[in-house]
Protein backbone atom coordinates (compact mmCIF):
# COMPACT_ATOMS: atom_id res chain seq x y z
CA MET A 1 67.72 -43.78 -68.63
CA LYS A 2 63.87 -44.79 -69.48
CA LYS A 3 63.37 -45.99 -65.93
CA ILE A 4 64.51 -42.71 -64.54
CA LEU A 5 62.17 -40.82 -67.13
CA VAL A 6 59.10 -42.96 -66.35
CA CYS A 7 59.87 -42.41 -62.48
CA MET A 8 60.01 -38.62 -62.87
CA LEU A 9 56.78 -38.84 -64.92
CA LEU A 10 55.05 -40.92 -62.23
CA LEU A 11 56.28 -38.50 -59.39
CA ALA A 12 54.74 -35.37 -61.25
CA MET A 13 51.57 -37.08 -61.79
CA ALA A 14 51.46 -38.04 -58.06
CA LEU A 15 52.29 -34.37 -57.45
CA THR A 16 49.60 -32.74 -59.73
CA PHE A 17 46.74 -35.37 -58.37
CA CYS A 18 47.60 -34.29 -54.66
CA ALA A 19 47.43 -30.62 -55.66
CA CYS A 20 44.17 -31.18 -56.87
CA GLY A 21 42.73 -32.77 -54.26
CA LYS A 22 43.75 -30.47 -51.52
CA LYS A 23 41.59 -27.62 -50.34
CA ALA A 24 42.25 -24.03 -50.68
CA ALA A 25 43.05 -22.44 -47.19
CA PRO A 26 39.95 -20.09 -46.21
CA VAL A 27 40.90 -16.19 -46.68
CA PRO A 28 40.70 -14.91 -42.91
CA THR A 29 38.01 -12.44 -42.32
CA GLU A 30 37.33 -9.39 -39.65
CA ALA A 31 34.77 -10.66 -37.02
CA PRO A 32 31.52 -8.55 -37.59
CA THR A 33 31.22 -5.55 -35.39
CA PRO A 34 28.55 -5.78 -32.96
CA GLU A 35 25.29 -3.43 -32.90
CA PRO A 36 26.23 -0.59 -30.17
CA THR A 37 23.68 -1.00 -27.40
CA GLN A 38 21.72 1.80 -26.21
CA ASP A 39 23.00 3.74 -23.34
CA PRO A 40 20.43 2.80 -20.27
CA ALA A 41 20.86 6.32 -18.84
CA ALA A 42 19.71 7.75 -22.33
CA GLU A 43 16.86 5.25 -22.25
CA VAL A 44 15.89 6.46 -19.00
CA ASP A 45 15.98 10.28 -19.89
CA ALA A 46 14.09 9.62 -23.21
CA ALA A 47 11.27 8.06 -20.97
CA ALA A 48 11.10 10.73 -18.51
CA ALA A 49 10.97 13.16 -21.42
CA LEU A 50 7.82 11.35 -22.58
CA PHE A 51 6.28 11.47 -19.13
CA ASP A 52 7.11 15.45 -18.77
CA ALA A 53 5.51 16.11 -22.49
CA GLY A 54 2.33 14.37 -21.06
CA GLN A 55 2.65 11.00 -23.32
CA TYR A 56 2.01 8.95 -20.38
CA SER A 57 0.85 5.88 -22.11
CA GLU A 58 4.11 5.85 -24.13
CA ALA A 59 5.88 6.75 -21.40
CA VAL A 60 4.74 4.03 -18.98
CA ARG A 61 5.45 1.58 -21.68
CA ALA A 62 9.14 2.88 -21.94
CA LEU A 63 9.71 2.84 -18.33
CA SER A 64 8.23 -0.66 -17.75
CA ALA A 65 10.88 -2.24 -20.13
CA LEU A 66 13.50 -0.22 -18.00
CA GLN A 67 12.64 -1.92 -14.59
CA THR A 68 15.65 -3.80 -14.82
CA VAL A 69 17.91 -0.88 -14.98
CA ASP A 70 17.18 -0.42 -11.53
CA SER A 71 16.67 3.56 -11.60
CA PRO A 72 15.02 5.27 -8.99
CA THR A 73 13.77 7.80 -11.75
CA VAL A 74 11.95 4.98 -13.64
CA PHE A 75 10.61 3.48 -9.89
CA SER A 76 9.44 6.95 -9.20
CA LEU A 77 7.59 7.69 -12.41
CA LEU A 78 5.68 4.31 -12.68
CA GLY A 79 4.86 5.10 -9.26
CA LYS A 80 3.45 8.38 -9.88
CA ALA A 81 1.82 7.05 -13.10
CA TYR A 82 0.05 4.16 -11.03
CA TYR A 83 -0.86 6.58 -8.21
CA GLN A 84 -2.51 9.20 -10.15
CA GLY A 85 -3.70 7.07 -13.11
CA LEU A 86 -1.25 8.81 -15.71
CA GLY A 87 -1.03 6.60 -18.99
CA ALA A 88 -2.26 3.36 -16.77
CA ASP A 89 -5.19 2.56 -14.48
CA THR A 90 -4.75 3.41 -10.87
CA ASP A 91 -3.38 0.77 -9.11
CA TYR A 92 -2.49 2.05 -5.67
CA ASN A 93 -0.75 -1.35 -4.61
CA ARG A 94 1.23 -1.57 -7.50
CA ALA A 95 2.18 2.22 -7.18
CA VAL A 96 3.21 1.80 -3.46
CA GLY A 97 5.57 -1.01 -4.57
CA TYR A 98 7.33 1.09 -7.20
CA LEU A 99 7.42 4.31 -4.98
CA GLN A 100 9.01 2.50 -1.93
CA ASP A 101 11.81 1.42 -4.26
CA ALA A 102 12.24 4.88 -5.60
CA ALA A 103 12.19 5.97 -1.95
CA ALA A 104 14.87 3.59 -1.11
CA GLY A 105 16.77 5.23 -4.05
CA GLY A 106 16.74 8.61 -2.68
CA VAL A 107 13.88 10.04 -4.77
CA VAL A 108 12.63 12.50 -2.31
CA SER A 109 9.02 13.22 -3.71
CA ALA A 110 8.38 9.40 -3.38
CA ARG A 111 8.25 9.68 0.45
CA TYR A 112 5.58 12.35 0.31
CA LEU A 113 3.51 9.88 -1.74
CA LEU A 114 3.81 7.28 0.65
CA ALA A 115 2.98 9.53 3.55
CA ASP A 116 -0.46 10.50 1.22
CA ALA A 117 -0.83 6.65 0.58
CA SER A 118 -0.78 5.91 4.47
CA TYR A 119 -2.95 9.18 5.13
CA ASN A 120 -5.76 8.00 2.76
CA GLY A 121 -5.27 4.56 3.20
CA ASN A 122 -4.34 4.02 -0.49
CA GLY A 123 -2.26 1.09 -1.08
CA LEU A 124 -1.49 0.88 2.45
CA ARG A 125 -3.51 0.41 5.75
CA GLN A 126 -4.59 3.79 6.74
CA ASP A 127 -2.65 5.14 9.58
CA LYS A 128 -2.40 8.94 10.43
CA ASP A 129 0.61 8.47 12.86
CA GLU A 130 2.73 6.50 10.38
CA ALA A 131 1.64 9.16 7.82
CA SER A 132 2.80 11.89 10.09
CA ARG A 133 6.21 10.17 10.47
CA SER A 134 6.77 9.83 6.88
CA TYR A 135 5.55 13.61 6.36
CA ILE A 136 8.26 14.36 8.98
CA LYS A 137 10.99 12.35 6.85
CA PHE A 138 10.02 13.96 3.65
CA VAL A 139 10.12 17.45 5.26
CA ALA A 140 13.60 16.83 6.68
CA GLN A 141 15.06 15.76 3.03
CA ALA A 142 13.01 18.01 0.77
CA ASP A 143 15.16 21.26 1.03
CA GLU A 144 18.21 19.19 0.34
CA VAL A 145 16.53 18.15 -3.43
CA ASP A 146 19.10 19.74 -5.86
CA PRO A 147 17.37 22.60 -8.04
CA ALA A 148 18.88 20.72 -11.03
CA ASP A 149 17.31 17.43 -10.17
CA ARG A 150 14.02 16.74 -11.97
CA ASP A 151 12.66 15.65 -8.53
CA TYR A 152 12.85 19.50 -7.44
CA ALA A 153 9.63 20.85 -8.67
CA PRO A 154 7.31 17.99 -7.30
CA SER A 155 9.21 17.97 -4.01
CA MET A 156 8.76 21.82 -3.66
CA THR A 157 4.90 21.53 -4.61
CA TYR A 158 4.70 18.93 -1.60
CA LEU A 159 6.52 20.62 0.93
CA ALA A 160 4.49 23.98 0.25
CA ASP A 161 1.39 21.72 0.86
CA CYS A 162 2.79 20.32 4.14
CA PHE A 163 3.56 23.79 5.73
CA TYR A 164 0.34 25.07 4.41
CA LYS A 165 -1.57 22.04 5.88
CA GLY A 166 0.68 21.41 8.96
CA ARG A 167 1.61 17.89 7.53
CA GLY A 168 4.60 16.59 9.46
CA VAL A 169 5.40 20.24 10.48
CA GLU A 170 4.06 23.14 12.11
CA LYS A 171 2.06 25.22 9.89
CA ASN A 172 4.09 28.03 8.26
CA PHE A 173 2.65 30.20 5.68
CA ASP A 174 5.82 32.02 4.69
CA LEU A 175 7.71 28.95 4.41
CA ALA A 176 4.78 27.44 2.11
CA LEU A 177 4.84 30.18 -0.13
CA ALA A 178 8.52 29.98 -0.57
CA ALA A 179 8.38 26.46 -1.55
CA ALA A 180 5.50 27.06 -3.83
CA ASN A 181 7.71 29.88 -5.41
CA LYS A 182 10.41 27.54 -6.02
CA ALA A 183 8.30 24.83 -7.55
CA TYR A 184 7.11 27.32 -10.03
CA THR A 185 10.18 27.84 -11.30
CA ALA A 186 10.38 24.39 -12.73
CA ALA A 187 6.70 23.69 -13.09
CA ASP A 188 7.30 21.89 -16.44
CA LYS A 189 8.27 18.79 -14.37
CA LEU A 190 4.67 18.63 -12.80
CA THR A 191 1.92 16.61 -13.90
CA PRO A 192 -1.49 18.29 -14.47
CA TYR A 193 -2.59 17.25 -10.96
CA GLU A 194 0.64 18.89 -9.39
CA LEU A 195 -0.14 22.07 -11.53
CA MET A 196 -3.77 22.26 -10.37
CA ASN A 197 -2.72 21.68 -6.83
CA LEU A 198 0.16 24.32 -7.31
CA ALA A 199 -2.39 27.06 -8.83
CA ALA A 200 -4.89 26.22 -6.11
CA PHE A 201 -2.26 27.17 -3.34
CA PHE A 202 -1.58 30.74 -5.31
CA ASP A 203 -5.13 31.06 -5.85
CA SER A 204 -6.09 30.33 -2.29
CA VAL A 205 -3.42 32.53 -0.66
CA ARG A 206 -4.17 35.24 -2.95
CA PRO A 207 -7.22 36.92 -0.79
CA ASN A 208 -5.05 36.61 2.32
CA ALA A 209 -1.87 38.28 1.38
CA VAL A 210 1.62 37.15 1.51
CA SER A 211 2.82 37.80 4.77
CA ALA A 212 2.12 38.83 8.49
CA GLU A 213 2.21 42.28 7.10
CA PHE A 214 -1.52 41.59 6.11
CA ASP A 215 -2.46 40.48 9.76
CA ALA A 216 -0.99 43.60 11.16
CA ALA A 217 -2.60 45.88 8.70
CA ALA A 218 -5.98 44.07 9.32
CA GLU A 219 -5.87 44.09 13.05
CA ALA A 220 -5.08 47.91 13.00
CA ALA A 221 -7.93 48.45 10.19
CA ALA A 222 -10.21 46.40 12.76
CA ALA A 223 -9.18 48.89 15.69
CA ASP A 224 -10.21 51.82 13.71
CA GLY A 225 -13.72 50.25 12.95
CA ALA A 226 -13.05 48.99 9.28
CA PRO A 227 -14.67 46.01 8.51
CA ASP A 228 -11.54 44.38 7.14
CA GLY A 229 -7.75 45.36 6.64
CA ALA A 230 -8.22 45.37 2.71
CA ALA A 231 -7.75 49.31 2.71
CA ALA A 232 -4.57 48.97 4.80
CA VAL A 233 -2.77 46.36 2.87
CA SER A 234 0.45 48.04 2.00
CA PRO A 235 1.39 48.41 -2.13
CA ALA A 236 4.15 45.78 -1.61
CA VAL A 237 1.63 43.12 -0.33
CA GLU A 238 -0.98 44.29 -2.85
CA SER A 239 1.63 43.73 -5.68
CA ALA A 240 2.66 40.43 -4.31
CA ARG A 241 -1.32 39.46 -4.56
CA LYS A 242 -1.05 40.05 -8.35
CA VAL A 243 1.97 37.88 -8.62
CA ASP A 244 0.18 35.18 -6.96
CA ALA A 245 -2.94 35.72 -9.02
CA ALA A 246 -0.93 35.75 -12.16
CA LYS A 247 0.97 32.60 -11.18
CA ALA A 248 -2.40 30.85 -10.48
CA ALA A 249 -3.56 31.62 -13.81
CA ASP A 250 -0.68 30.50 -15.74
CA LEU A 251 -0.74 27.36 -13.82
CA TYR A 252 -4.40 26.73 -14.41
CA ALA A 253 -3.77 27.35 -18.25
CA ARG A 254 -1.01 24.99 -18.10
CA ALA A 255 -2.91 22.26 -16.48
CA ALA A 256 -6.04 22.49 -18.18
CA ALA A 257 -5.02 20.79 -21.58
CA GLY A 258 -3.41 17.94 -19.71
CA ILE A 259 -6.55 17.64 -17.71
CA ARG A 260 -8.89 17.61 -20.60
CA THR A 261 -6.71 14.67 -22.32
CA LEU A 262 -6.92 12.64 -19.47
CA ALA A 263 -10.29 13.26 -18.60
CA ASP A 264 -11.33 12.35 -22.26
CA ALA A 265 -9.42 9.17 -21.58
CA GLY A 266 -11.63 8.27 -18.49
CA ASN A 267 -9.22 9.32 -15.92
CA LEU A 268 -11.65 9.91 -12.83
CA HIS A 269 -9.31 12.16 -11.11
CA ALA A 270 -8.91 14.25 -14.31
CA VAL A 271 -12.86 14.12 -14.42
CA LYS A 272 -13.00 15.71 -11.22
CA TYR A 273 -10.38 18.63 -11.96
CA LEU A 274 -12.12 19.18 -15.20
CA GLY A 275 -15.32 19.82 -13.27
CA ASP A 276 -13.31 22.11 -11.11
CA LEU A 277 -12.38 24.04 -14.36
CA TYR A 278 -16.01 24.37 -14.64
CA PHE A 279 -16.83 25.16 -11.28
CA TYR A 280 -14.50 28.05 -10.80
CA GLY A 281 -14.00 29.07 -14.46
CA MET A 282 -10.22 28.57 -14.84
CA GLY A 283 -7.86 27.69 -17.19
CA GLY A 284 -9.52 29.28 -20.04
CA TYR A 285 -13.04 27.79 -18.95
CA THR A 286 -16.19 29.93 -18.40
CA GLN A 287 -17.85 29.37 -15.06
CA ASP A 288 -20.62 27.04 -15.56
CA TYR A 289 -22.16 25.21 -12.47
CA ALA A 290 -24.34 23.23 -14.30
CA LYS A 291 -21.84 21.78 -16.64
CA ALA A 292 -19.61 21.54 -13.42
CA LEU A 293 -22.00 19.41 -11.96
CA GLU A 294 -22.37 17.03 -14.80
CA THR A 295 -18.96 16.56 -14.76
CA TYR A 296 -18.42 15.86 -11.17
CA LEU A 297 -21.39 13.31 -11.12
CA ILE A 298 -19.26 11.20 -13.59
CA ALA A 299 -16.56 10.90 -11.29
CA ALA A 300 -18.74 10.70 -7.90
CA GLU A 301 -20.82 7.92 -9.17
CA GLN A 302 -17.56 5.54 -9.92
CA GLY A 303 -16.49 6.76 -6.32
CA ASP A 304 -14.27 9.57 -6.46
CA ALA A 305 -14.59 11.08 -2.87
CA ASP A 306 -13.41 14.67 -4.09
CA ALA A 307 -15.72 14.79 -6.60
CA GLN A 308 -18.71 13.53 -4.35
CA ALA A 309 -17.91 16.19 -2.03
CA GLN A 310 -18.17 18.75 -4.82
CA VAL A 311 -21.71 17.49 -5.78
CA GLY A 312 -22.49 17.79 -2.09
CA ARG A 313 -21.42 21.41 -2.04
CA ILE A 314 -23.57 22.02 -4.97
CA TYR A 315 -26.67 20.62 -3.60
CA MET A 316 -26.00 22.36 -0.32
CA ASP A 317 -25.45 25.81 -1.41
CA GLY A 318 -27.90 25.78 -4.17
CA LEU A 319 -24.95 26.56 -6.95
CA GLY A 320 -26.80 26.37 -10.30
CA VAL A 321 -29.75 24.36 -8.74
CA GLU A 322 -32.22 24.11 -6.01
CA VAL A 323 -31.03 23.54 -2.50
CA ASP A 324 -31.44 19.88 -1.85
CA ALA A 325 -30.24 18.97 1.64
CA GLU A 326 -31.22 15.43 1.14
CA LYS A 327 -28.81 15.17 -1.99
CA ALA A 328 -26.31 17.02 -0.28
CA MET A 329 -26.25 15.08 2.97
CA ASP A 330 -26.08 11.91 0.61
CA TRP A 331 -23.03 12.93 -1.38
CA ASN A 332 -21.38 14.59 1.56
CA MET A 333 -21.84 11.16 3.73
CA ARG A 334 -20.29 9.27 0.79
CA ALA A 335 -17.21 11.48 0.72
CA ALA A 336 -17.05 11.67 4.57
CA GLU A 337 -17.05 7.75 4.73
CA GLN A 338 -14.03 7.72 2.45
CA GLY A 339 -12.37 10.02 5.00
CA ASN A 340 -12.46 13.13 2.91
CA ALA A 341 -12.35 16.66 4.89
CA GLN A 342 -14.38 18.47 2.74
CA GLY A 343 -17.40 16.04 2.84
CA GLN A 344 -16.94 15.94 6.80
CA GLU A 345 -16.63 19.67 7.22
CA GLN A 346 -20.00 20.08 4.88
CA ILE A 347 -21.97 17.87 7.20
CA GLY A 348 -20.58 19.81 10.01
CA MET A 349 -22.06 22.95 8.29
CA MET A 350 -25.19 21.47 7.68
CA TYR A 351 -25.54 20.52 11.15
CA TYR A 352 -24.32 24.03 12.41
CA HIS A 353 -26.88 25.96 10.24
CA GLY A 354 -29.66 23.45 10.31
CA ILE A 355 -29.82 22.77 6.46
CA GLY A 356 -32.40 20.09 6.10
CA ILE A 357 -31.56 18.78 9.39
CA THR A 358 -32.24 19.70 13.14
CA LYS A 359 -29.68 22.36 13.96
CA SER A 360 -26.97 20.74 16.42
CA THR A 361 -23.94 22.73 17.29
CA GLU A 362 -23.05 19.42 19.39
CA GLU A 363 -22.85 17.17 16.46
CA ALA A 364 -21.47 20.01 14.02
CA SER A 365 -18.58 20.05 16.59
CA ARG A 366 -17.86 15.91 16.01
CA TRP A 367 -18.10 16.43 12.31
CA PHE A 368 -15.73 19.70 12.59
CA GLU A 369 -13.48 17.38 14.42
CA ARG A 370 -13.31 14.98 12.20
CA ALA A 371 -12.74 17.23 9.40
CA ARG A 372 -9.93 18.93 11.17
CA ASP A 373 -8.08 15.72 11.83
CA SER A 374 -8.32 15.05 8.20
CA GLY A 375 -6.76 18.02 7.24
CA SER A 376 -9.45 20.86 6.97
CA GLN A 377 -8.74 24.23 7.81
CA ARG A 378 -11.99 25.63 7.77
CA ALA A 379 -13.15 23.12 9.93
CA ALA A 380 -10.35 24.09 12.42
CA ALA A 381 -11.24 27.75 12.13
CA MET A 382 -15.19 26.55 13.29
CA LEU A 383 -14.04 24.90 16.05
CA GLU A 384 -12.43 28.16 17.30
CA GLN A 385 -15.89 29.56 17.39
CA PRO A 386 -17.26 30.04 20.86
CA ASP A 387 -20.38 28.23 20.49
CA VAL A 388 -18.84 25.44 18.97
CA SER A 389 -15.68 25.04 21.09
CA ALA A 390 -18.33 25.02 24.12
CA ALA A 391 -20.28 22.22 22.24
CA ALA A 392 -17.06 20.24 21.77
CA ASP A 393 -16.01 20.76 25.70
CA TYR A 394 -19.37 19.66 26.49
CA ARG A 395 -19.26 16.55 24.36
CA SER A 396 -15.98 15.43 25.42
CA ALA A 397 -16.71 16.11 29.35
CA ARG A 398 -19.70 13.56 28.98
CA ALA A 399 -17.53 11.02 27.01
C-alpha cells in the first residue's frame, strides 16, 4: 500500500513540475488595420485646386509628387507651370516633355501650347510648318472639349486666339468671339497670363464692333461722306461693345493681382504684363508711361522679347519720353531677332515713316512681311497699302 501511495505522490509531483514548466498559449489578437491610402484622384484634384487658386509653388510641389499617377491633368499643369514660369523657373524643354504626355493623354489645350512652342522655338526647333499642323490638330479637337472639363476655359481661350490670328484656320472674327465668350464663362480656370490675353481680345475687338453688321454700317456711312461708321452702328452692336468693355475690365482686374504676385517673385513674363497694366492703365492701375518703361526694362534687359518690343515702341512714339530713334531701333531689333512680330512691325514702321533713318518703303515692306508671317495683323494691313504693295512686288521681281 505504501508503494502505491509513493508512486501516486511521485506521479503528482511530476505532473505539477510539467505544468509549471509549460508556456502559456498566446492569446490571439486581431491584425492591425492598415491606414487608409489617399485616393490618387483626390490628390490630383487637390493639387489642381492649388493651381487654380494661384498657389503655384505649392501646386508644383504637389503635382511633382504625383507624376507616377500617370494623370494627364498632372502632366498638363506641370507643362503649363514650366512653360509659363508659374511656381517654377521657366524651362521650355521640361515643359514640352510634360505637354507631350498631356496631349497624348487627351488634354487638348496642351496641343496648342506645343504648337506655340514650335512657332516660337520654345523647347522645340522653330518650325512654322510643324506649328501650323499642330494648330490644325488643336482646332479640330477644341470644340469637343466638355464644358465641365477643367481644360475647357484654356482651350476656348486658345481657340479664340487661333481664329483671331488665323493660326491653323482661316481668320474668323465671329468664331473667335464665340470661343472667347465660352472661355469667359469658366475664367476661374485660367492663369493670370491667360486672363490677360482673353481681356486683351475683348479690349481689342471693342473698337471694331462684333460682327459684319459694323462693316456694313461703316461702308454705308463712308458712302455718305462720313469719316467712319461710328454714327451708323446699330444699338445692338453698340450694346455688345459695352459688354465687351465690361468683360475686358473684369478680366484685367482678375489678372492684375496674380500678375503682381508673380512679378514680385521675379517672373519675367509677369514683369512684362505688369508693365502693360501701367502702360494701358488697366486692372486698377493708373496709366503711367514712365512706370511702364521702368517695368518693361527689367524684363527687356533679361531678354524678354515682348518687353523689348514695348520699350522700342515707347522710344519710337515718344510716350512719356523724348523720341529716341536710336534706342527704338536697338530695342525693336533685339525683339525682332527673337522672332517677335511687334518688333518686326515697328522696324517696318520706322522705315516707312523715316523715323531716325532714311525712309524706304521697300525696306519697310520687307519687315512688314516678316511681321505678318510672325502673326502681326497690322503688318498684314500695311502690306495692302498701294505704295507698300508696289514696293514688295518690285522687290520680289528683283529677287
